[in-house]
Amino acid sequence: MLKTLLDLGFKEVDAKVYLFLRSMGPQKGKDIADSLKLHKQQLYRSLKRLKNKRIVNSDEHPAVFSSISFEKVLDVFLEVKKEQADDLQESREELLSRWQDITKKDNSN
């Protein structure tokens, strides 16, 4: 499963944190750091990345972190990839035009 997450673009520490939360359920940051032998700064950077991707959620007081299902992780990644493809499609003509301008200048020298 770790390899699958890495193939999806997870950083290794993020994949380990996600897998830990999936297998152990909601956890406090200290317990995650202790179990995975991570420095607190490293863990909280990872949790922030995962929260920004909507893969990890947290309750505020006390901070308890939980993860979404793997099915939802796939949905999130599919959504991001679709948005990237749409953005590329929208800028396709402009990119081709710029490329042609660059190659014309190169060929005229």
N, C-alpha and C. Protein backbone atom coordinates (compact mmCIF):
# COMPACT_ATOMS: atom_id res chain seq x y z
N MET A 1 0.82 -1.19 0.00
CA MET A 1 0.00 0.00 0.00
C MET A 1 0.86 1.26 0.00
N LEU A 2 1.99 1.21 0.70
CA LEU A 2 2.90 2.34 0.73
C LEU A 2 3.35 2.69 -0.69
N LYS A 3 3.72 1.68 -1.48
CA LYS A 3 4.16 1.93 -2.85
C LYS A 3 3.04 2.57 -3.67
N THR A 4 1.82 2.13 -3.49
CA THR A 4 0.69 2.71 -4.21
C THR A 4 0.55 4.19 -3.90
N LEU A 5 0.66 4.53 -2.63
CA LEU A 5 0.55 5.93 -2.23
C LEU A 5 1.70 6.75 -2.78
N LEU A 6 2.90 6.18 -2.77
CA LEU A 6 4.05 6.88 -3.34
C LEU A 6 3.86 7.10 -4.84
N ASP A 7 3.30 6.10 -5.52
CA ASP A 7 3.01 6.23 -6.95
C ASP A 7 1.97 7.31 -7.23
N LEU A 8 1.07 7.53 -6.28
CA LEU A 8 0.07 8.59 -6.43
C LEU A 8 0.66 9.98 -6.19
N GLY A 9 1.89 10.03 -5.68
CA GLY A 9 2.54 11.32 -5.45
C GLY A 9 2.69 11.72 -4.01
N PHE A 10 2.34 10.83 -3.08
CA PHE A 10 2.56 11.12 -1.66
C PHE A 10 4.05 11.18 -1.37
N LYS A 11 4.44 12.06 -0.45
CA LYS A 11 5.78 11.98 0.13
C LYS A 11 5.76 10.78 1.05
N GLU A 12 6.93 10.16 1.26
CA GLU A 12 6.97 8.94 2.06
C GLU A 12 6.42 9.15 3.47
N VAL A 13 6.79 10.23 4.12
CA VAL A 13 6.31 10.46 5.49
C VAL A 13 4.80 10.66 5.49
N ASP A 14 4.26 11.35 4.48
CA ASP A 14 2.82 11.56 4.40
C ASP A 14 2.09 10.23 4.22
N ALA A 15 2.64 9.36 3.39
CA ALA A 15 2.03 8.04 3.17
C ALA A 15 2.03 7.24 4.47
N LYS A 16 3.13 7.29 5.21
CA LYS A 16 3.21 6.55 6.48
C LYS A 16 2.21 7.09 7.50
N VAL A 17 2.08 8.41 7.56
CA VAL A 17 1.13 9.01 8.49
C VAL A 17 -0.29 8.61 8.09
N TYR A 18 -0.60 8.69 6.81
CA TYR A 18 -1.93 8.31 6.35
C TYR A 18 -2.23 6.85 6.69
N LEU A 19 -1.31 5.96 6.36
CA LEU A 19 -1.52 4.53 6.63
C LEU A 19 -1.68 4.26 8.12
N PHE A 20 -0.91 4.95 8.93
CA PHE A 20 -1.02 4.79 10.38
C PHE A 20 -2.42 5.19 10.85
N LEU A 21 -2.88 6.34 10.39
CA LEU A 21 -4.21 6.80 10.80
C LEU A 21 -5.31 5.88 10.29
N ARG A 22 -5.15 5.34 9.09
CA ARG A 22 -6.16 4.42 8.55
C ARG A 22 -6.22 3.14 9.39
N SER A 23 -5.06 2.67 9.81
CA SER A 23 -5.04 1.40 10.54
C SER A 23 -5.36 1.57 12.03
N MET A 24 -5.01 2.71 12.60
CA MET A 24 -5.16 2.89 14.04
C MET A 24 -6.37 3.75 14.42
N GLY A 25 -6.95 4.44 13.46
CA GLY A 25 -8.07 5.33 13.77
C GLY A 25 -7.57 6.67 14.28
N PRO A 26 -8.47 7.53 14.72
CA PRO A 26 -8.10 8.87 15.18
C PRO A 26 -7.03 8.82 16.28
N GLN A 27 -6.05 9.74 16.16
CA GLN A 27 -4.91 9.76 17.09
C GLN A 27 -4.50 11.19 17.39
N LYS A 28 -3.90 11.36 18.55
CA LYS A 28 -3.28 12.64 18.91
C LYS A 28 -1.92 12.71 18.21
N GLY A 29 -1.49 13.94 17.93
CA GLY A 29 -0.21 14.14 17.25
C GLY A 29 0.95 13.48 17.96
N LYS A 30 1.00 13.60 19.28
CA LYS A 30 2.10 13.01 20.05
C LYS A 30 2.14 11.50 19.86
N ASP A 31 0.98 10.87 19.84
CA ASP A 31 0.94 9.42 19.67
C ASP A 31 1.39 9.01 18.27
N ILE A 32 1.03 9.80 17.27
CA ILE A 32 1.47 9.51 15.90
C ILE A 32 2.99 9.63 15.83
N ALA A 33 3.51 10.74 16.36
CA ALA A 33 4.96 10.99 16.32
C ALA A 33 5.72 9.88 17.05
N ASP A 34 5.24 9.50 18.21
CA ASP A 34 5.92 8.44 18.97
C ASP A 34 5.88 7.11 18.23
N SER A 35 4.73 6.75 17.70
CA SER A 35 4.59 5.45 17.02
C SER A 35 5.43 5.38 15.75
N LEU A 36 5.48 6.48 14.99
CA LEU A 36 6.22 6.48 13.73
C LEU A 36 7.66 6.97 13.89
N LYS A 37 8.02 7.32 15.13
CA LYS A 37 9.36 7.82 15.43
C LYS A 37 9.72 9.03 14.56
N LEU A 38 8.79 9.99 14.57
CA LEU A 38 8.98 11.22 13.82
C LEU A 38 9.18 12.39 14.78
N HIS A 39 9.98 13.37 14.37
CA HIS A 39 10.08 14.60 15.14
C HIS A 39 8.76 15.34 14.99
N LYS A 40 8.38 16.07 16.02
CA LYS A 40 7.09 16.76 15.99
C LYS A 40 6.97 17.70 14.80
N GLN A 41 8.05 18.44 14.49
CA GLN A 41 8.01 19.36 13.35
C GLN A 41 7.74 18.60 12.05
N GLN A 42 8.41 17.48 11.87
CA GLN A 42 8.23 16.67 10.68
C GLN A 42 6.79 16.16 10.58
N LEU A 43 6.25 15.70 11.70
CA LEU A 43 4.88 15.20 11.72
C LEU A 43 3.90 16.32 11.38
N TYR A 44 4.03 17.47 12.02
CA TYR A 44 3.05 18.54 11.81
C TYR A 44 3.14 19.13 10.40
N ARG A 45 4.32 19.11 9.78
CA ARG A 45 4.41 19.51 8.36
C ARG A 45 3.65 18.52 7.50
N SER A 46 3.82 17.23 7.80
CA SER A 46 3.11 16.19 7.06
C SER A 46 1.60 16.32 7.25
N LEU A 47 1.16 16.49 8.49
CA LEU A 47 -0.27 16.63 8.76
C LEU A 47 -0.85 17.85 8.04
N LYS A 48 -0.09 18.93 7.99
CA LYS A 48 -0.55 20.13 7.29
C LYS A 48 -0.72 19.85 5.80
N ARG A 49 0.25 19.15 5.19
CA ARG A 49 0.13 18.81 3.76
C ARG A 49 -1.10 17.94 3.53
N LEU A 50 -1.28 16.95 4.39
CA LEU A 50 -2.42 16.04 4.24
C LEU A 50 -3.75 16.75 4.48
N LYS A 51 -3.77 17.68 5.42
CA LYS A 51 -5.00 18.46 5.65
C LYS A 51 -5.29 19.35 4.45
N ASN A 52 -4.25 19.97 3.87
CA ASN A 52 -4.45 20.83 2.70
C ASN A 52 -5.00 20.04 1.51
N LYS A 53 -4.66 18.76 1.44
CA LYS A 53 -5.16 17.90 0.37
C LYS A 53 -6.50 17.27 0.73
N ARG A 54 -7.01 17.61 1.92
CA ARG A 54 -8.30 17.09 2.42
C ARG A 54 -8.27 15.58 2.66
N ILE A 55 -7.10 15.06 3.02
CA ILE A 55 -6.93 13.62 3.27
C ILE A 55 -6.96 13.33 4.77
N VAL A 56 -6.58 14.33 5.56
CA VAL A 56 -6.60 14.21 7.02
C VAL A 56 -7.46 15.34 7.58
N ASN A 57 -8.22 15.00 8.60
CA ASN A 57 -9.06 15.97 9.32
C ASN A 57 -8.57 16.04 10.76
N SER A 58 -8.94 17.12 11.44
CA SER A 58 -8.58 17.19 12.86
C SER A 58 -9.66 17.91 13.64
N ASP A 59 -9.82 17.45 14.89
CA ASP A 59 -10.65 18.16 15.86
C ASP A 59 -9.70 19.10 16.58
N GLU A 60 -10.21 20.22 17.02
CA GLU A 60 -9.34 21.25 17.59
C GLU A 60 -8.81 20.96 18.98
N HIS A 61 -9.66 20.74 19.96
CA HIS A 61 -9.18 20.61 21.34
C HIS A 61 -9.73 19.36 21.98
N PRO A 62 -8.93 18.43 22.37
CA PRO A 62 -7.51 18.31 22.01
C PRO A 62 -7.40 17.87 20.55
N ALA A 63 -6.30 18.24 19.92
CA ALA A 63 -6.11 17.93 18.50
C ALA A 63 -6.03 16.42 18.30
N VAL A 64 -7.01 15.90 17.60
CA VAL A 64 -7.06 14.49 17.24
C VAL A 64 -7.19 14.42 15.72
N PHE A 65 -6.34 13.64 15.10
CA PHE A 65 -6.28 13.57 13.64
C PHE A 65 -6.89 12.27 13.16
N SER A 66 -7.62 12.35 12.06
CA SER A 66 -8.21 11.17 11.44
C SER A 66 -8.03 11.29 9.93
N SER A 67 -8.19 10.17 9.24
CA SER A 67 -7.99 10.18 7.78
C SER A 67 -9.27 9.76 7.07
N ILE A 68 -9.36 10.16 5.82
CA ILE A 68 -10.48 9.74 4.99
C ILE A 68 -10.19 8.35 4.44
N SER A 69 -11.20 7.70 3.90
CA SER A 69 -11.02 6.36 3.35
C SER A 69 -10.14 6.40 2.10
N PHE A 70 -9.56 5.26 1.76
CA PHE A 70 -8.72 5.18 0.57
C PHE A 70 -9.54 5.49 -0.68
N GLU A 71 -10.79 5.06 -0.70
CA GLU A 71 -11.66 5.36 -1.84
C GLU A 71 -11.78 6.88 -2.04
N LYS A 72 -11.93 7.60 -0.94
CA LYS A 72 -12.03 9.06 -1.03
C LYS A 72 -10.69 9.69 -1.42
N VAL A 73 -9.59 9.09 -0.98
CA VAL A 73 -8.26 9.57 -1.40
C VAL A 73 -8.16 9.49 -2.92
N LEU A 74 -8.59 8.36 -3.48
CA LEU A 74 -8.55 8.22 -4.94
C LEU A 74 -9.42 9.27 -5.61
N ASP A 75 -10.59 9.53 -5.03
CA ASP A 75 -11.49 10.55 -5.58
C ASP A 75 -10.83 11.93 -5.56
N VAL A 76 -10.14 12.25 -4.46
CA VAL A 76 -9.45 13.54 -4.35
C VAL A 76 -8.37 13.64 -5.43
N PHE A 77 -7.56 12.59 -5.60
CA PHE A 77 -6.50 12.63 -6.60
C PHE A 77 -7.07 12.70 -8.02
N LEU A 78 -8.17 12.01 -8.27
CA LEU A 78 -8.80 12.09 -9.60
C LEU A 78 -9.30 13.51 -9.87
N GLU A 79 -9.88 14.13 -8.86
CA GLU A 79 -10.37 15.51 -9.01
C GLU A 79 -9.22 16.46 -9.33
N VAL A 80 -8.12 16.31 -8.61
CA VAL A 80 -6.95 17.17 -8.85
C VAL A 80 -6.41 16.96 -10.25
N LYS A 81 -6.29 15.71 -10.68
CA LYS A 81 -5.76 15.42 -12.02
C LYS A 81 -6.69 15.96 -13.10
N LYS A 82 -8.00 15.86 -12.90
CA LYS A 82 -8.96 16.41 -13.87
C LYS A 82 -8.81 17.92 -13.96
N GLU A 83 -8.66 18.58 -12.82
CA GLU A 83 -8.48 20.03 -12.82
C GLU A 83 -7.20 20.42 -13.55
N GLN A 84 -6.12 19.65 -13.33
CA GLN A 84 -4.87 19.92 -14.02
C GLN A 84 -5.02 19.73 -15.53
N ALA A 85 -5.73 18.68 -15.93
CA ALA A 85 -5.96 18.43 -17.36
C ALA A 85 -6.81 19.55 -17.96
N ASP A 86 -7.83 20.00 -17.25
CA ASP A 86 -8.67 21.10 -17.73
C ASP A 86 -7.85 22.37 -17.89
N ASP A 87 -6.99 22.66 -16.90
CA ASP A 87 -6.14 23.85 -16.97
C ASP A 87 -5.20 23.79 -18.17
N LEU A 88 -4.62 22.62 -18.40
CA LEU A 88 -3.73 22.46 -19.54
C LEU A 88 -4.48 22.63 -20.85
N GLN A 89 -5.68 22.06 -20.92
CA GLN A 89 -6.50 22.19 -22.13
C GLN A 89 -6.84 23.65 -22.40
N GLU A 90 -7.18 24.40 -21.34
CA GLU A 90 -7.53 25.81 -21.49
C GLU A 90 -6.35 26.64 -21.96
N SER A 91 -5.14 26.29 -21.56
CA SER A 91 -3.97 27.08 -21.94
C SER A 91 -3.25 26.51 -23.16
N ARG A 92 -3.77 25.46 -23.75
CA ARG A 92 -3.13 24.78 -24.88
C ARG A 92 -2.80 25.74 -26.03
N GLU A 93 -3.79 26.49 -26.50
CA GLU A 93 -3.58 27.38 -27.64
C GLU A 93 -2.54 28.44 -27.35
N GLU A 94 -2.61 29.01 -26.15
CA GLU A 94 -1.63 30.03 -25.77
C GLU A 94 -0.22 29.43 -25.71
N LEU A 95 -0.09 28.24 -25.17
CA LEU A 95 1.21 27.58 -25.08
C LEU A 95 1.76 27.29 -26.47
N LEU A 96 0.89 26.80 -27.36
CA LEU A 96 1.34 26.53 -28.73
C LEU A 96 1.76 27.81 -29.44
N SER A 97 1.03 28.88 -29.23
CA SER A 97 1.37 30.16 -29.84
C SER A 97 2.73 30.66 -29.35
N ARG A 98 2.95 30.57 -28.05
CA ARG A 98 4.25 30.97 -27.48
C ARG A 98 5.38 30.12 -28.06
N TRP A 99 5.13 28.82 -28.16
CA TRP A 99 6.14 27.90 -28.69
C TRP A 99 6.49 28.28 -30.13
N GLN A 100 5.48 28.57 -30.91
CA GLN A 100 5.73 28.97 -32.31
C GLN A 100 6.52 30.27 -32.38
N ASP A 101 6.22 31.23 -31.51
CA ASP A 101 6.97 32.48 -31.47
C ASP A 101 8.44 32.23 -31.14
N ILE A 102 8.67 31.36 -30.17
CA ILE A 102 10.05 31.04 -29.75
C ILE A 102 10.80 30.36 -30.89
N THR A 103 10.17 29.37 -31.52
CA THR A 103 10.87 28.63 -32.58
C THR A 103 11.08 29.50 -33.81
N LYS A 104 10.19 30.46 -34.11
CA LYS A 104 10.39 31.38 -35.23
C LYS A 104 11.60 32.26 -34.99
N LYS A 105 11.72 32.76 -33.74
CA LYS A 105 12.88 33.60 -33.40
C LYS A 105 14.17 32.80 -33.53
N ASP A 106 14.15 31.55 -33.06
CA ASP A 106 15.35 30.70 -33.14
C ASP A 106 15.73 30.42 -34.58
N ASN A 107 14.76 30.19 -35.44
CA ASN A 107 15.02 29.87 -36.84
C ASN A 107 15.46 31.07 -37.65
N SER A 108 15.10 32.29 -37.19
CA SER A 108 15.47 33.50 -37.94
C SER A 108 16.89 33.94 -37.65
N ASN A 109 17.51 33.39 -36.63
CA ASN A 109 18.89 33.76 -36.28
C ASN A 109 19.88 32.96 -37.02
